[in-house]
Amino acid sequence: MTKFVAWGRYCEDVLERRAPYRQAHLDGLAAQKAQGILITIGPTKDLRYFFAIYEADNEEKVRQLIENDPYWQHQVWIEYNIHEWIQAL
């Protein structure tokens, strides 16, 4: 499988906006982690950006995971990029 990095930006009022969707978001991430697709994910300390590493068959799979996440669907995440990644170490 191929590794991908994804990073994106949160909305301005992230703490308020994410509240109703946070548990569904975390549950979905836990399921991805259990399946071995999600390696790691987290926000920057200032809650402006998120960073994730996935292991998937293709970029489209990663795109589907992001766009099916409640944070994307409810504009908590407002933009993202995905790039194939070569893990050097």
C-alpha atoms as a PDB file:
ATOM      1  CA  MET A   1       0.000   0.000   0.000  1.00  0.00           C
ATOM      2  CA  THR A   2       0.984   3.584  -0.580  1.00  0.00           C
ATOM      3  CA  LYS A   3       1.414   6.213   2.106  1.00  0.00           C
ATOM      4  CA  PHE A   4      -0.156   9.635   1.756  1.00  0.00           C
ATOM      5  CA  VAL A   5       0.119  12.828   3.752  1.00  0.00           C
ATOM      6  CA  ALA A   6      -2.829  15.145   4.024  1.00  0.00           C
ATOM      7  CA  TRP A   7      -2.959  18.572   5.522  1.00  0.00           C
ATOM      8  CA  GLY A   8      -5.675  21.111   5.649  1.00  0.00           C
ATOM      9  CA  ARG A   9      -7.106  24.130   7.330  1.00  0.00           C
ATOM     10  CA  TYR A  10      -9.744  24.541  10.004  1.00  0.00           C
ATOM     11  CA  CYS A  11     -12.461  27.187   9.984  1.00  0.00           C
ATOM     12  CA  GLU A  12     -12.030  30.315  12.109  1.00  0.00           C
ATOM     13  CA  ASP A  13     -14.429  29.307  14.896  1.00  0.00           C
ATOM     14  CA  VAL A  14     -13.265  25.701  15.115  1.00  0.00           C
ATOM     15  CA  LEU A  15     -13.977  25.085  18.819  1.00  0.00           C
ATOM     16  CA  GLU A  16     -17.610  26.129  18.552  1.00  0.00           C
ATOM     17  CA  ARG A  17     -18.230  24.690  15.111  1.00  0.00           C
ATOM     18  CA  ARG A  18     -16.756  21.238  15.779  1.00  0.00           C
ATOM     19  CA  ALA A  19     -18.627  20.584  19.039  1.00  0.00           C
ATOM     20  CA  PRO A  20     -21.754  18.888  17.589  1.00  0.00           C
ATOM     21  CA  TYR A  21     -19.676  16.670  15.266  1.00  0.00           C
ATOM     22  CA  ARG A  22     -16.644  15.886  17.404  1.00  0.00           C
ATOM     23  CA  GLN A  23     -17.678  12.446  18.675  1.00  0.00           C
ATOM     24  CA  ALA A  24     -18.717  11.208  15.218  1.00  0.00           C
ATOM     25  CA  HIS A  25     -15.422  12.568  13.852  1.00  0.00           C
ATOM     26  CA  LEU A  26     -13.367  10.787  16.533  1.00  0.00           C
ATOM     27  CA  ASP A  27     -15.311   7.541  16.116  1.00  0.00           C
ATOM     28  CA  GLY A  28     -14.658   7.587  12.374  1.00  0.00           C
ATOM     29  CA  LEU A  29     -10.949   8.211  12.899  1.00  0.00           C
ATOM     30  CA  ALA A  30     -10.763   5.362  15.421  1.00  0.00           C
ATOM     31  CA  ALA A  31     -12.351   3.015  12.875  1.00  0.00           C
ATOM     32  CA  GLN A  32      -9.849   4.097  10.199  1.00  0.00           C
ATOM     33  CA  LYS A  33      -6.998   3.542  12.657  1.00  0.00           C
ATOM     34  CA  ALA A  34      -8.304   0.078  13.582  1.00  0.00           C
ATOM     35  CA  GLN A  35      -8.457  -0.825   9.873  1.00  0.00           C
ATOM     36  CA  GLY A  36      -4.835   0.249   9.440  1.00  0.00           C
ATOM     37  CA  ILE A  37      -5.672   3.035   6.975  1.00  0.00           C
ATOM     38  CA  LEU A  38      -5.024   5.996   9.267  1.00  0.00           C
ATOM     39  CA  ILE A  39      -1.516   6.090  10.700  1.00  0.00           C
ATOM     40  CA  THR A  40      -1.854   9.367  12.610  1.00  0.00           C
ATOM     41  CA  ILE A  41      -3.786  12.638  12.555  1.00  0.00           C
ATOM     42  CA  GLY A  42      -3.876  15.775  14.633  1.00  0.00           C
ATOM     43  CA  PRO A  43      -4.206  19.538  14.692  1.00  0.00           C
ATOM     44  CA  THR A  44      -1.512  22.126  15.051  1.00  0.00           C
ATOM     45  CA  LYS A  45      -1.404  23.625  18.532  1.00  0.00           C
ATOM     46  CA  ASP A  46      -3.042  26.840  17.308  1.00  0.00           C
ATOM     47  CA  LEU A  47      -5.944  24.804  15.795  1.00  0.00           C
ATOM     48  CA  ARG A  48      -5.444  26.366  12.371  1.00  0.00           C
ATOM     49  CA  TYR A  49      -4.304  23.261  10.472  1.00  0.00           C
ATOM     50  CA  PHE A  50      -4.489  19.476  10.613  1.00  0.00           C
ATOM     51  CA  PHE A  51      -1.953  16.915   9.452  1.00  0.00           C
ATOM     52  CA  ALA A  52      -2.530  13.216   8.735  1.00  0.00           C
ATOM     53  CA  ILE A  53      -0.724  10.183   7.379  1.00  0.00           C
ATOM     54  CA  TYR A  54      -2.713   7.447   5.651  1.00  0.00           C
ATOM     55  CA  GLU A  55      -1.811   4.096   4.130  1.00  0.00           C
ATOM     56  CA  ALA A  56      -4.229   3.298   1.311  1.00  0.00           C
ATOM     57  CA  ASP A  57      -4.523   1.776  -2.136  1.00  0.00           C
ATOM     58  CA  ASN A  58      -4.833   5.159  -3.820  1.00  0.00           C
ATOM     59  CA  GLU A  59      -5.348   8.882  -3.323  1.00  0.00           C
ATOM     60  CA  GLU A  60      -9.051   8.621  -4.118  1.00  0.00           C
ATOM     61  CA  LYS A  61      -9.569   6.426  -1.036  1.00  0.00           C
ATOM     62  CA  VAL A  62      -7.954   9.087   1.167  1.00  0.00           C
ATOM     63  CA  ARG A  63     -10.042  11.801  -0.499  1.00  0.00           C
ATOM     64  CA  GLN A  64     -13.218   9.798   0.227  1.00  0.00           C
ATOM     65  CA  LEU A  65     -12.264   9.389   3.886  1.00  0.00           C
ATOM     66  CA  ILE A  66     -11.668  13.110   4.288  1.00  0.00           C
ATOM     67  CA  GLU A  67     -14.793  14.178   2.419  1.00  0.00           C
ATOM     68  CA  ASN A  68     -16.990  11.708   4.319  1.00  0.00           C
ATOM     69  CA  ASP A  69     -15.747  13.017   7.663  1.00  0.00           C
ATOM     70  CA  PRO A  70     -18.252  15.168   9.583  1.00  0.00           C
ATOM     71  CA  TYR A  71     -15.620  17.890   9.893  1.00  0.00           C
ATOM     72  CA  TRP A  72     -15.473  18.268   6.112  1.00  0.00           C
ATOM     73  CA  GLN A  73     -19.209  17.894   5.610  1.00  0.00           C
ATOM     74  CA  HIS A  74     -19.949  20.633   8.164  1.00  0.00           C
ATOM     75  CA  GLN A  75     -17.141  23.001   7.128  1.00  0.00           C
ATOM     76  CA  VAL A  76     -14.979  22.511  10.206  1.00  0.00           C
ATOM     77  CA  TRP A  77     -12.219  21.540   7.776  1.00  0.00           C
ATOM     78  CA  ILE A  78     -12.371  24.068   4.955  1.00  0.00           C
ATOM     79  CA  GLU A  79      -9.566  22.963   2.640  1.00  0.00           C
ATOM     80  CA  TYR A  80      -7.077  20.131   2.278  1.00  0.00           C
ATOM     81  CA  ASN A  81      -4.279  18.732   0.112  1.00  0.00           C
ATOM     82  CA  ILE A  82      -3.135  15.147  -0.342  1.00  0.00           C
ATOM     83  CA  HIS A  83       0.281  14.023  -1.550  1.00  0.00           C
ATOM     84  CA  GLU A  84       1.829  10.618  -2.012  1.00  0.00           C
ATOM     85  CA  TRP A  85       4.581  10.263   0.551  1.00  0.00           C
ATOM     86  CA  ILE A  86       7.829   8.337   0.600  1.00  0.00           C
ATOM     87  CA  GLN A  87       8.802   7.421   4.146  1.00  0.00           C
ATOM     88  CA  ALA A  88      12.587   7.717   4.241  1.00  0.00           C
ATOM     89  CA  LEU A  89      13.183   6.508   7.811  1.00  0.00           C
END
